[in-house]
Amino acid sequence: MSLRLGDTAPDFHADTTEGEIDFHDWKTDSWAVLFSHPADFTPVCTTELGRTAALNAEFAARNTKAIAISVDPIEDHRAWAPDIGEVGGTDLNFPIIADPDRAVAELYDMIHPGAGDASTVRSVFIIDPDHRVRLTLTYPKSVGRNFDELVRVIDALQATDAAPIATPADWRPGDRVIVSPTVSTDDARERLDNVEEVKPYLRWADQP
């Protein structure tokens, strides 16, 4: 069964390039980006993991940990790590899960029968400190992911968790936000700055 938004992200025990972990204990009270890649020593995956390594400080600033997974064995992950550092310009600085028995991939529905083989597709799960799934994305194997967008989504989730707001299309931190429909305009003006009612259902405000 596919995981849905708000579900508890399944816990698991796995071997990684940084040693054995229990997922919930490893992420503790952090956010996490769990993402699968089809195979080691492949071009798109090398660029993706290199980009993730380069974003390490951005993730850390958002109390977020990145962790990758494929069905390749741990020996392949470790042998591939230098290529990731060379291509991306930053040494591997987050764990890669080895899942040769496909236990974690099956738990998170990362293997799609129509994708051509038994490797994982490009799945992404953003998981909050309470272990709840907050975003899911699935890309085809031929298309690399936009990791800047993953950072943007984390910013949006953290902003909307902290205040009664939503974020509009193409929102970036510092842009104006939308007042939540559950809050009246009068209440919004007490809680938020520069509230502007464009439509009864659309009120803008400065980001808190």
N, C-alpha and C. Protein backbone atom coordinates (compact mmCIF):
# COMPACT_ATOMS: atom_id res chain seq x y z
N MET A 1 0.84 -1.20 0.00
CA MET A 1 0.00 0.00 0.00
C MET A 1 0.88 1.25 0.00
N SER A 2 0.54 2.22 -0.84
CA SER A 2 1.32 3.45 -0.91
C SER A 2 1.12 4.29 0.34
N LEU A 3 2.18 4.99 0.73
CA LEU A 3 2.09 5.91 1.85
C LEU A 3 1.38 7.17 1.41
N ARG A 4 0.57 7.72 2.32
CA ARG A 4 -0.15 8.96 2.03
C ARG A 4 0.33 10.06 2.96
N LEU A 5 0.05 11.29 2.58
CA LEU A 5 0.43 12.43 3.41
C LEU A 5 -0.22 12.30 4.78
N GLY A 6 0.57 12.50 5.81
CA GLY A 6 0.08 12.38 7.18
C GLY A 6 0.31 11.02 7.79
N ASP A 7 0.62 10.01 6.97
CA ASP A 7 0.94 8.69 7.51
C ASP A 7 2.26 8.74 8.27
N THR A 8 2.41 7.84 9.22
CA THR A 8 3.69 7.68 9.89
C THR A 8 4.66 6.97 8.95
N ALA A 9 5.81 7.55 8.75
CA ALA A 9 6.83 6.92 7.91
C ALA A 9 7.30 5.64 8.57
N PRO A 10 7.26 4.51 7.89
CA PRO A 10 7.66 3.26 8.52
C PRO A 10 9.10 3.28 9.03
N ASP A 11 9.30 2.73 10.20
CA ASP A 11 10.64 2.58 10.75
C ASP A 11 11.29 1.35 10.10
N PHE A 12 12.61 1.32 10.09
CA PHE A 12 13.32 0.17 9.54
C PHE A 12 14.76 0.17 10.06
N HIS A 13 15.36 -1.00 10.00
CA HIS A 13 16.78 -1.17 10.32
C HIS A 13 17.50 -1.42 9.01
N ALA A 14 18.64 -0.77 8.81
CA ALA A 14 19.35 -0.92 7.54
C ALA A 14 20.84 -0.66 7.71
N ASP A 15 21.60 -1.22 6.79
CA ASP A 15 23.03 -0.93 6.70
C ASP A 15 23.22 0.26 5.77
N THR A 16 24.07 1.19 6.16
CA THR A 16 24.33 2.38 5.36
C THR A 16 25.83 2.63 5.27
N THR A 17 26.19 3.58 4.43
CA THR A 17 27.60 3.96 4.31
C THR A 17 28.15 4.58 5.59
N GLU A 18 27.28 4.91 6.54
CA GLU A 18 27.72 5.45 7.83
C GLU A 18 27.42 4.47 8.97
N GLY A 19 27.22 3.19 8.63
CA GLY A 19 26.95 2.19 9.63
C GLY A 19 25.48 1.80 9.69
N GLU A 20 25.16 0.85 10.57
CA GLU A 20 23.79 0.40 10.70
C GLU A 20 22.95 1.44 11.45
N ILE A 21 21.71 1.60 11.01
CA ILE A 21 20.81 2.57 11.63
C ILE A 21 19.43 1.98 11.82
N ASP A 22 18.71 2.50 12.80
CA ASP A 22 17.26 2.39 12.88
C ASP A 22 16.73 3.77 12.48
N PHE A 23 15.90 3.80 11.47
CA PHE A 23 15.56 5.06 10.82
C PHE A 23 15.03 6.11 11.78
N HIS A 24 14.04 5.78 12.58
CA HIS A 24 13.46 6.77 13.49
C HIS A 24 14.48 7.27 14.50
N ASP A 25 15.32 6.37 15.01
CA ASP A 25 16.36 6.80 15.95
C ASP A 25 17.40 7.68 15.26
N TRP A 26 17.70 7.36 14.01
CA TRP A 26 18.70 8.14 13.27
C TRP A 26 18.20 9.56 13.02
N LYS A 27 16.95 9.70 12.61
CA LYS A 27 16.45 11.05 12.31
C LYS A 27 16.02 11.80 13.56
N THR A 28 15.74 11.08 14.66
CA THR A 28 15.31 11.65 15.94
C THR A 28 14.25 12.73 15.71
N ASP A 29 14.53 13.98 16.17
CA ASP A 29 13.53 15.05 16.05
C ASP A 29 13.83 15.98 14.88
N SER A 30 14.52 15.47 13.88
CA SER A 30 14.82 16.25 12.69
C SER A 30 13.79 15.99 11.59
N TRP A 31 13.77 16.86 10.61
CA TRP A 31 13.13 16.56 9.35
C TRP A 31 14.05 15.62 8.57
N ALA A 32 13.51 14.91 7.61
CA ALA A 32 14.33 14.03 6.79
C ALA A 32 13.86 14.06 5.34
N VAL A 33 14.83 13.96 4.44
CA VAL A 33 14.55 13.75 3.02
C VAL A 33 15.08 12.36 2.69
N LEU A 34 14.17 11.42 2.51
CA LEU A 34 14.51 10.05 2.13
C LEU A 34 14.24 9.92 0.64
N PHE A 35 15.28 9.60 -0.14
CA PHE A 35 15.07 9.53 -1.58
C PHE A 35 15.79 8.32 -2.18
N SER A 36 15.13 7.68 -3.12
CA SER A 36 15.69 6.50 -3.76
C SER A 36 16.27 6.85 -5.11
N HIS A 37 17.29 6.08 -5.48
CA HIS A 37 17.87 6.21 -6.82
C HIS A 37 17.96 4.82 -7.43
N PRO A 38 17.85 4.71 -8.75
CA PRO A 38 17.77 3.39 -9.38
C PRO A 38 19.02 2.52 -9.21
N ALA A 39 20.21 3.10 -9.33
CA ALA A 39 21.40 2.25 -9.28
C ALA A 39 22.66 3.09 -9.09
N ASP A 40 23.67 2.49 -8.48
CA ASP A 40 24.98 3.12 -8.34
C ASP A 40 25.70 3.13 -9.70
N PHE A 41 26.67 4.01 -9.80
CA PHE A 41 27.48 4.13 -11.02
C PHE A 41 26.61 4.40 -12.25
N THR A 42 25.59 5.24 -12.05
CA THR A 42 24.76 5.68 -13.17
C THR A 42 24.80 7.21 -13.22
N PRO A 43 24.65 7.79 -14.41
CA PRO A 43 24.93 9.22 -14.56
C PRO A 43 24.00 10.16 -13.82
N VAL A 44 22.68 9.97 -13.98
CA VAL A 44 21.74 10.89 -13.33
C VAL A 44 21.88 10.80 -11.81
N CYS A 45 21.99 9.59 -11.30
CA CYS A 45 22.10 9.40 -9.85
C CYS A 45 23.36 10.06 -9.29
N THR A 46 24.45 9.99 -10.03
CA THR A 46 25.69 10.60 -9.57
C THR A 46 25.52 12.11 -9.41
N THR A 47 24.84 12.74 -10.37
CA THR A 47 24.61 14.19 -10.26
C THR A 47 23.67 14.51 -9.11
N GLU A 48 22.67 13.67 -8.89
CA GLU A 48 21.70 13.93 -7.82
C GLU A 48 22.35 13.83 -6.43
N LEU A 49 23.12 12.79 -6.20
CA LEU A 49 23.74 12.64 -4.89
C LEU A 49 24.83 13.69 -4.69
N GLY A 50 25.49 14.09 -5.76
CA GLY A 50 26.45 15.18 -5.65
C GLY A 50 25.79 16.48 -5.27
N ARG A 51 24.62 16.74 -5.84
CA ARG A 51 23.89 17.96 -5.51
C ARG A 51 23.41 17.94 -4.07
N THR A 52 22.96 16.77 -3.60
CA THR A 52 22.53 16.65 -2.21
C THR A 52 23.68 16.92 -1.25
N ALA A 53 24.86 16.40 -1.57
CA ALA A 53 26.03 16.66 -0.72
C ALA A 53 26.35 18.15 -0.68
N ALA A 54 26.23 18.82 -1.82
CA ALA A 54 26.52 20.26 -1.87
C ALA A 54 25.53 21.08 -1.06
N LEU A 55 24.33 20.55 -0.85
CA LEU A 55 23.28 21.27 -0.10
C LEU A 55 23.31 20.94 1.39
N ASN A 56 24.33 20.27 1.86
CA ASN A 56 24.38 19.82 3.24
C ASN A 56 24.14 20.95 4.24
N ALA A 57 24.78 22.10 4.04
CA ALA A 57 24.62 23.23 4.97
C ALA A 57 23.19 23.78 4.92
N GLU A 58 22.58 23.79 3.73
CA GLU A 58 21.20 24.26 3.61
C GLU A 58 20.25 23.35 4.37
N PHE A 59 20.44 22.05 4.23
CA PHE A 59 19.60 21.11 4.97
C PHE A 59 19.82 21.26 6.47
N ALA A 60 21.07 21.37 6.89
CA ALA A 60 21.36 21.48 8.33
C ALA A 60 20.72 22.72 8.92
N ALA A 61 20.70 23.82 8.17
CA ALA A 61 20.10 25.06 8.66
C ALA A 61 18.59 24.90 8.88
N ARG A 62 18.02 23.90 8.26
CA ARG A 62 16.57 23.65 8.38
C ARG A 62 16.28 22.42 9.24
N ASN A 63 17.27 22.00 10.04
CA ASN A 63 17.10 20.83 10.91
C ASN A 63 16.66 19.62 10.10
N THR A 64 17.31 19.41 8.97
CA THR A 64 16.92 18.36 8.04
C THR A 64 18.11 17.46 7.72
N LYS A 65 17.84 16.17 7.68
CA LYS A 65 18.86 15.19 7.31
C LYS A 65 18.46 14.53 5.98
N ALA A 66 19.44 14.34 5.12
CA ALA A 66 19.21 13.65 3.86
C ALA A 66 19.72 12.23 3.97
N ILE A 67 18.99 11.30 3.33
CA ILE A 67 19.43 9.91 3.29
C ILE A 67 18.93 9.29 1.99
N ALA A 68 19.83 8.62 1.29
CA ALA A 68 19.50 8.02 -0.01
C ALA A 68 19.41 6.51 0.14
N ILE A 69 18.81 5.87 -0.86
CA ILE A 69 18.67 4.41 -0.85
C ILE A 69 18.65 3.88 -2.27
N SER A 70 19.27 2.73 -2.47
CA SER A 70 19.07 1.94 -3.68
C SER A 70 19.19 0.48 -3.30
N VAL A 71 18.90 -0.40 -4.26
CA VAL A 71 18.95 -1.83 -3.98
C VAL A 71 20.34 -2.40 -4.18
N ASP A 72 21.32 -1.55 -4.41
CA ASP A 72 22.70 -2.01 -4.56
C ASP A 72 23.30 -2.32 -3.19
N PRO A 73 24.34 -3.18 -3.15
CA PRO A 73 24.97 -3.55 -1.88
C PRO A 73 25.87 -2.44 -1.35
N ILE A 74 26.21 -2.54 -0.08
CA ILE A 74 26.99 -1.50 0.59
C ILE A 74 28.37 -1.34 -0.05
N GLU A 75 28.95 -2.41 -0.54
CA GLU A 75 30.28 -2.32 -1.15
C GLU A 75 30.24 -1.42 -2.39
N ASP A 76 29.16 -1.51 -3.17
CA ASP A 76 29.03 -0.64 -4.34
C ASP A 76 28.86 0.81 -3.93
N HIS A 77 28.06 1.05 -2.89
CA HIS A 77 27.88 2.42 -2.41
C HIS A 77 29.23 3.04 -2.04
N ARG A 78 30.03 2.31 -1.29
CA ARG A 78 31.32 2.84 -0.84
C ARG A 78 32.29 3.05 -2.00
N ALA A 79 32.24 2.16 -2.98
CA ALA A 79 33.12 2.31 -4.14
C ALA A 79 32.69 3.49 -5.02
N TRP A 80 31.41 3.79 -5.00
CA TRP A 80 30.85 4.87 -5.84
C TRP A 80 31.07 6.24 -5.21
N ALA A 81 31.22 6.30 -3.89
CA ALA A 81 31.29 7.58 -3.18
C ALA A 81 32.34 8.54 -3.75
N PRO A 82 33.55 8.08 -4.11
CA PRO A 82 34.52 9.04 -4.68
C PRO A 82 34.04 9.69 -5.97
N ASP A 83 33.30 8.95 -6.79
CA ASP A 83 32.77 9.53 -8.03
C ASP A 83 31.77 10.65 -7.71
N ILE A 84 30.94 10.42 -6.70
CA ILE A 84 29.97 11.44 -6.30
C ILE A 84 30.68 12.72 -5.89
N GLY A 85 31.74 12.58 -5.09
CA GLY A 85 32.49 13.76 -4.67
C GLY A 85 33.18 14.45 -5.82
N GLU A 86 33.73 13.67 -6.73
CA GLU A 86 34.45 14.25 -7.87
C GLU A 86 33.51 15.00 -8.80
N VAL A 87 32.38 14.39 -9.12
CA VAL A 87 31.44 15.00 -10.07
C VAL A 87 30.72 16.19 -9.44
N GLY A 88 30.30 16.06 -8.17
CA GLY A 88 29.52 17.12 -7.54
C GLY A 88 30.34 18.19 -6.86
N GLY A 89 31.61 17.92 -6.63
CA GLY A 89 32.47 18.92 -6.00
C GLY A 89 32.43 18.92 -4.49
N THR A 90 31.67 18.00 -3.89
CA THR A 90 31.57 17.90 -2.42
C THR A 90 31.59 16.42 -2.05
N ASP A 91 32.44 16.07 -1.10
CA ASP A 91 32.49 14.68 -0.66
C ASP A 91 31.14 14.22 -0.12
N LEU A 92 30.86 12.94 -0.28
CA LEU A 92 29.62 12.38 0.25
C LEU A 92 29.55 12.64 1.75
N ASN A 93 28.46 13.27 2.22
CA ASN A 93 28.35 13.67 3.62
C ASN A 93 27.00 13.29 4.23
N PHE A 94 26.35 12.30 3.64
CA PHE A 94 25.09 11.78 4.16
C PHE A 94 25.06 10.29 3.84
N PRO A 95 24.27 9.51 4.57
CA PRO A 95 24.28 8.06 4.36
C PRO A 95 23.51 7.60 3.13
N ILE A 96 23.99 6.51 2.55
CA ILE A 96 23.25 5.80 1.50
C ILE A 96 22.90 4.43 2.06
N ILE A 97 21.64 4.10 2.01
CA ILE A 97 21.14 2.82 2.51
C ILE A 97 21.38 1.73 1.46
N ALA A 98 21.92 0.60 1.90
CA ALA A 98 22.02 -0.58 1.04
C ALA A 98 20.78 -1.43 1.28
N ASP A 99 20.07 -1.74 0.21
CA ASP A 99 18.80 -2.47 0.34
C ASP A 99 18.73 -3.62 -0.67
N PRO A 100 19.74 -4.51 -0.67
CA PRO A 100 19.77 -5.57 -1.70
C PRO A 100 18.60 -6.54 -1.62
N ASP A 101 18.01 -6.70 -0.44
CA ASP A 101 16.84 -7.58 -0.34
C ASP A 101 15.53 -6.85 -0.60
N ARG A 102 15.62 -5.53 -0.88
CA ARG A 102 14.48 -4.69 -1.26
C ARG A 102 13.45 -4.52 -0.14
N ALA A 103 13.85 -4.75 1.08
CA ALA A 103 12.91 -4.66 2.20
C ALA A 103 12.41 -3.23 2.40
N VAL A 104 13.33 -2.26 2.41
CA VAL A 104 12.92 -0.86 2.60
C VAL A 104 12.20 -0.35 1.36
N ALA A 105 12.70 -0.71 0.18
CA ALA A 105 12.07 -0.27 -1.06
C ALA A 105 10.62 -0.74 -1.15
N GLU A 106 10.37 -1.96 -0.72
CA GLU A 106 8.99 -2.47 -0.73
C GLU A 106 8.16 -1.76 0.34
N LEU A 107 8.76 -1.49 1.48
CA LEU A 107 8.04 -0.83 2.57
C LEU A 107 7.55 0.55 2.14
N TYR A 108 8.35 1.24 1.31
CA TYR A 108 8.01 2.58 0.85
C TYR A 108 7.48 2.61 -0.59
N ASP A 109 7.20 1.44 -1.16
CA ASP A 109 6.64 1.34 -2.51
C ASP A 109 7.51 2.08 -3.53
N MET A 110 8.81 1.81 -3.48
CA MET A 110 9.76 2.47 -4.36
C MET A 110 10.04 1.69 -5.64
N ILE A 111 9.49 0.50 -5.77
CA ILE A 111 9.71 -0.32 -6.96
C ILE A 111 8.40 -0.40 -7.73
N HIS A 112 8.41 0.10 -8.95
CA HIS A 112 7.20 0.14 -9.76
C HIS A 112 7.31 -0.88 -10.89
N PRO A 113 6.38 -1.83 -10.98
CA PRO A 113 6.48 -2.91 -11.97
C PRO A 113 6.60 -2.42 -13.40
N GLY A 114 5.99 -1.28 -13.71
CA GLY A 114 6.03 -0.80 -15.09
C GLY A 114 7.25 0.01 -15.44
N ALA A 115 8.20 0.14 -14.49
CA ALA A 115 9.37 0.99 -14.73
C ALA A 115 10.50 0.27 -15.44
N GLY A 116 10.36 -1.02 -15.71
CA GLY A 116 11.32 -1.69 -16.56
C GLY A 116 12.17 -2.73 -15.88
N ASP A 117 12.40 -2.65 -14.57
CA ASP A 117 13.19 -3.65 -13.86
C ASP A 117 12.83 -3.60 -12.39
N ALA A 118 13.63 -4.25 -11.56
CA ALA A 118 13.32 -4.34 -10.14
C ALA A 118 14.08 -3.34 -9.29
N SER A 119 14.64 -2.31 -9.92
CA SER A 119 15.32 -1.27 -9.16
C SER A 119 14.31 -0.20 -8.73
N THR A 120 14.75 0.67 -7.85
CA THR A 120 13.86 1.72 -7.35
C THR A 120 13.71 2.84 -8.36
N VAL A 121 12.52 3.44 -8.42
CA VAL A 121 12.32 4.67 -9.17
C VAL A 121 12.84 5.83 -8.32
N ARG A 122 12.70 7.07 -8.82
CA ARG A 122 13.19 8.23 -8.08
C ARG A 122 12.09 8.75 -7.15
N SER A 123 11.94 8.09 -6.02
CA SER A 123 10.95 8.50 -5.03
C SER A 123 11.56 9.47 -4.03
N VAL A 124 10.73 10.39 -3.53
CA VAL A 124 11.15 11.33 -2.49
C VAL A 124 10.10 11.35 -1.40
N PHE A 125 10.55 11.28 -0.16
CA PHE A 125 9.67 11.45 1.00
C PHE A 125 10.26 12.51 1.91
N ILE A 126 9.50 13.58 2.16
CA ILE A 126 9.88 14.54 3.19
C ILE A 126 9.10 14.19 4.44
N ILE A 127 9.83 13.98 5.53
CA ILE A 127 9.25 13.45 6.76
C ILE A 127 9.55 14.42 7.90
N ASP A 128 8.55 14.74 8.70
CA ASP A 128 8.73 15.78 9.72
C ASP A 128 9.27 15.19 11.03
N PRO A 129 9.54 16.02 12.03
CA PRO A 129 10.11 15.52 13.28
C PRO A 129 9.24 14.51 14.02
N ASP A 130 7.94 14.49 13.74
CA ASP A 130 7.04 13.51 14.34
C ASP A 130 6.92 12.24 13.50
N HIS A 131 7.81 12.10 12.52
CA HIS A 131 7.85 10.93 11.63
C HIS A 131 6.65 10.86 10.69
N ARG A 132 5.99 11.97 10.45
CA ARG A 132 4.85 11.99 9.52
C ARG A 132 5.33 12.33 8.11
N VAL A 133 4.77 11.65 7.14
CA VAL A 133 5.07 11.94 5.74
C VAL A 133 4.37 13.25 5.36
N ARG A 134 5.16 14.22 4.92
CA ARG A 134 4.59 15.53 4.59
C ARG A 134 4.59 15.83 3.10
N LEU A 135 5.42 15.12 2.33
CA LEU A 135 5.43 15.31 0.88
C LEU A 135 5.94 14.03 0.24
N THR A 136 5.34 13.66 -0.88
CA THR A 136 5.86 12.54 -1.69
C THR A 136 5.96 13.00 -3.14
N LEU A 137 7.02 12.58 -3.79
CA LEU A 137 7.23 12.85 -5.21
C LEU A 137 7.79 11.58 -5.85
N THR A 138 7.41 11.33 -7.09
CA THR A 138 7.99 10.22 -7.83
C THR A 138 8.35 10.69 -9.23
N TYR A 139 9.63 10.55 -9.55
CA TYR A 139 10.14 10.93 -10.86
C TYR A 139 10.47 9.67 -11.67
N PRO A 140 10.38 9.73 -12.98
CA PRO A 140 10.85 8.61 -13.78
C PRO A 140 12.38 8.51 -13.71
N LYS A 141 12.90 7.37 -14.07
CA LYS A 141 14.33 7.15 -13.95
C LYS A 141 15.16 8.07 -14.85
N SER A 142 14.56 8.55 -15.93
CA SER A 142 15.31 9.35 -16.90
C SER A 142 15.40 10.83 -16.52
N VAL A 143 14.68 11.25 -15.47
CA VAL A 143 14.59 12.68 -15.14
C VAL A 143 15.18 12.93 -13.76
N GLY A 144 16.21 13.77 -13.71
CA GLY A 144 16.81 14.14 -12.43
C GLY A 144 15.91 15.09 -11.66
N ARG A 145 16.01 14.99 -10.34
CA ARG A 145 15.16 15.81 -9.47
C ARG A 145 15.71 17.21 -9.28
N ASN A 146 14.83 18.14 -8.91
CA ASN A 146 15.21 19.51 -8.59
C ASN A 146 15.36 19.61 -7.08
N PHE A 147 16.59 19.57 -6.58
CA PHE A 147 16.80 19.57 -5.14
C PHE A 147 16.61 20.95 -4.53
N ASP A 148 16.73 22.01 -5.33
CA ASP A 148 16.36 23.34 -4.84
C ASP A 148 14.88 23.38 -4.48
N GLU A 149 14.05 22.67 -5.24
CA GLU A 149 12.63 22.61 -4.95
C GLU A 149 12.37 21.88 -3.63
N LEU A 150 13.14 20.86 -3.35
CA LEU A 150 12.97 20.15 -2.08
C LEU A 150 13.28 21.07 -0.91
N VAL A 151 14.32 21.88 -1.04
CA VAL A 151 14.64 22.85 0.01
C VAL A 151 13.51 23.86 0.15
N ARG A 152 12.97 24.32 -0.98
CA ARG A 152 11.87 25.29 -0.95
C ARG A 152 10.64 24.71 -0.25
N VAL A 153 10.33 23.45 -0.53
CA VAL A 153 9.17 22.82 0.10
C VAL A 153 9.37 22.70 1.61
N ILE A 154 10.57 22.36 2.04
CA ILE A 154 10.84 22.30 3.47
C ILE A 154 10.62 23.68 4.10
N ASP A 155 11.10 24.72 3.45
CA ASP A 155 10.85 26.08 3.95
C ASP A 155 9.35 26.36 4.06
N ALA A 156 8.60 25.97 3.04
CA ALA A 156 7.15 26.22 3.04
C ALA A 156 6.45 25.42 4.13
N LEU A 157 6.82 24.16 4.29
CA LEU A 157 6.20 23.34 5.34
C LEU A 157 6.49 23.90 6.72
N GLN A 158 7.73 24.31 6.95
CA GLN A 158 8.08 24.83 8.26
C GLN A 158 7.38 26.17 8.52
N ALA A 159 7.24 26.99 7.48
CA ALA A 159 6.55 28.28 7.63
C ALA A 159 5.06 28.07 7.93
N THR A 160 4.42 27.14 7.22
CA THR A 160 2.99 26.94 7.42
C THR A 160 2.69 26.17 8.70
N ASP A 161 3.66 25.43 9.21
CA ASP A 161 3.49 24.79 10.52
C ASP A 161 3.54 25.83 11.64
N ALA A 162 4.27 26.91 11.41
CA ALA A 162 4.53 27.88 12.48
C ALA A 162 3.47 28.98 12.58
N ALA A 163 2.65 29.14 11.55
CA ALA A 163 1.67 30.24 11.54
C ALA A 163 0.46 29.82 10.71
N PRO A 164 -0.70 30.48 10.88
CA PRO A 164 -1.91 30.13 10.13
C PRO A 164 -1.88 30.70 8.71
N ILE A 165 -0.98 30.16 7.91
CA ILE A 165 -0.77 30.67 6.56
C ILE A 165 -0.67 29.51 5.58
N ALA A 166 -0.75 29.85 4.30
CA ALA A 166 -0.43 28.94 3.21
C ALA A 166 0.52 29.69 2.28
N THR A 167 1.16 28.97 1.38
CA THR A 167 2.08 29.62 0.46
C THR A 167 1.53 29.56 -0.96
N PRO A 168 1.64 30.64 -1.73
CA PRO A 168 1.11 30.66 -3.09
C PRO A 168 2.04 29.97 -4.08
N ALA A 169 1.62 29.93 -5.31
CA ALA A 169 2.44 29.35 -6.37
C ALA A 169 3.80 30.04 -6.44
N ASP A 170 4.83 29.25 -6.60
CA ASP A 170 6.20 29.73 -6.79
C ASP A 170 6.75 30.49 -5.59
N TRP A 171 6.16 30.31 -4.42
CA TRP A 171 6.60 31.03 -3.22
C TRP A 171 8.04 30.73 -2.88
N ARG A 172 8.73 31.75 -2.41
CA ARG A 172 10.08 31.64 -1.88
C ARG A 172 10.11 32.34 -0.52
N PRO A 173 10.98 31.93 0.39
CA PRO A 173 11.06 32.59 1.69
C PRO A 173 11.21 34.10 1.54
N GLY A 174 10.42 34.84 2.29
CA GLY A 174 10.41 36.30 2.21
C GLY A 174 9.29 36.85 1.36
N ASP A 175 8.73 36.01 0.48
CA ASP A 175 7.59 36.45 -0.33
C ASP A 175 6.34 36.57 0.55
N ARG A 176 5.36 37.28 0.04
CA ARG A 176 4.08 37.36 0.73
C ARG A 176 3.43 35.99 0.82
N VAL A 177 2.63 35.80 1.85
CA VAL A 177 1.96 34.53 2.08
C VAL A 177 0.45 34.73 2.03
N ILE A 178 -0.28 33.63 2.07
CA ILE A 178 -1.74 33.65 2.05
C ILE A 178 -2.26 33.33 3.44
N VAL A 179 -3.22 34.09 3.90
CA VAL A 179 -3.85 33.82 5.19
C VAL A 179 -4.67 32.55 5.08
N SER A 180 -4.57 31.68 6.07
CA SER A 180 -5.32 30.44 6.07
C SER A 180 -6.82 30.72 6.03
N PRO A 181 -7.58 29.93 5.25
CA PRO A 181 -9.04 30.11 5.21
C PRO A 181 -9.71 29.91 6.56
N THR A 182 -9.05 29.27 7.50
CA THR A 182 -9.64 29.03 8.82
C THR A 182 -9.56 30.24 9.73
N VAL A 183 -8.88 31.30 9.27
CA VAL A 183 -8.68 32.49 10.09
C VAL A 183 -9.45 33.66 9.47
N SER A 184 -10.22 34.37 10.27
CA SER A 184 -10.95 35.53 9.75
C SER A 184 -9.98 36.66 9.44
N THR A 185 -10.44 37.59 8.62
CA THR A 185 -9.58 38.73 8.28
C THR A 185 -9.25 39.55 9.52
N ASP A 186 -10.22 39.75 10.41
CA ASP A 186 -9.96 40.52 11.63
C ASP A 186 -8.92 39.82 12.49
N ASP A 187 -9.05 38.53 12.66
CA ASP A 187 -8.06 37.79 13.45
C ASP A 187 -6.69 37.82 12.78
N ALA A 188 -6.69 37.71 11.45
CA ALA A 188 -5.43 37.74 10.73
C ALA A 188 -4.70 39.06 10.95
N ARG A 189 -5.45 40.16 10.99
CA ARG A 189 -4.83 41.48 11.18
C ARG A 189 -4.25 41.64 12.58
N GLU A 190 -4.74 40.85 13.52
CA GLU A 190 -4.16 40.87 14.86
C GLU A 190 -2.91 40.00 14.96
N ARG A 191 -2.81 39.01 14.09
CA ARG A 191 -1.74 38.04 14.20
C ARG A 191 -0.64 38.21 13.16
N LEU A 192 -0.99 38.85 12.03
CA LEU A 192 -0.05 38.97 10.92
C LEU A 192 0.08 40.42 10.49
N ASP A 193 1.14 40.72 9.78
CA ASP A 193 1.41 42.09 9.33
C ASP A 193 0.94 42.31 7.90
N ASN A 194 0.44 43.53 7.66
CA ASN A 194 0.14 44.00 6.32
C ASN A 194 -0.84 43.09 5.59
N VAL A 195 -1.95 42.77 6.26
CA VAL A 195 -2.96 41.89 5.67
C VAL A 195 -3.77 42.66 4.63
N GLU A 196 -3.91 42.08 3.46
CA GLU A 196 -4.64 42.70 2.35
C GLU A 196 -5.67 41.71 1.82
N GLU A 197 -6.93 42.10 1.83
CA GLU A 197 -8.00 41.23 1.32
C GLU A 197 -8.24 41.52 -0.15
N VAL A 198 -7.87 40.57 -1.00
CA VAL A 198 -8.08 40.69 -2.44
C VAL A 198 -9.44 40.12 -2.84
N LYS A 199 -9.77 38.99 -2.27
CA LYS A 199 -11.07 38.35 -2.39
C LYS A 199 -11.44 37.87 -0.99
N PRO A 200 -12.71 37.63 -0.72
CA PRO A 200 -13.06 37.13 0.62
C PRO A 200 -12.29 35.87 0.99
N TYR A 201 -11.91 35.08 -0.02
CA TYR A 201 -11.19 33.83 0.24
C TYR A 201 -9.69 33.95 0.01
N LEU A 202 -9.21 35.14 -0.41
CA LEU A 202 -7.79 35.32 -0.70
C LEU A 202 -7.29 36.58 0.00
N ARG A 203 -6.54 36.37 1.08
CA ARG A 203 -5.95 37.47 1.85
C ARG A 203 -4.44 37.30 1.88
N TRP A 204 -3.74 38.35 1.52
CA TRP A 204 -2.27 38.32 1.54
C TRP A 204 -1.76 38.88 2.86
N ALA A 205 -0.57 38.46 3.25
CA ALA A 205 0.08 39.01 4.44
C ALA A 205 1.58 38.88 4.28
N ASP A 206 2.32 39.64 5.06
CA ASP A 206 3.77 39.46 5.08
C ASP A 206 4.11 38.15 5.80
N GLN A 207 5.17 37.53 5.36
CA GLN A 207 5.57 36.29 6.02
C GLN A 207 5.95 36.58 7.48
N PRO A 208 5.41 35.83 8.42
CA PRO A 208 5.76 36.05 9.83
C PRO A 208 7.25 35.86 10.08
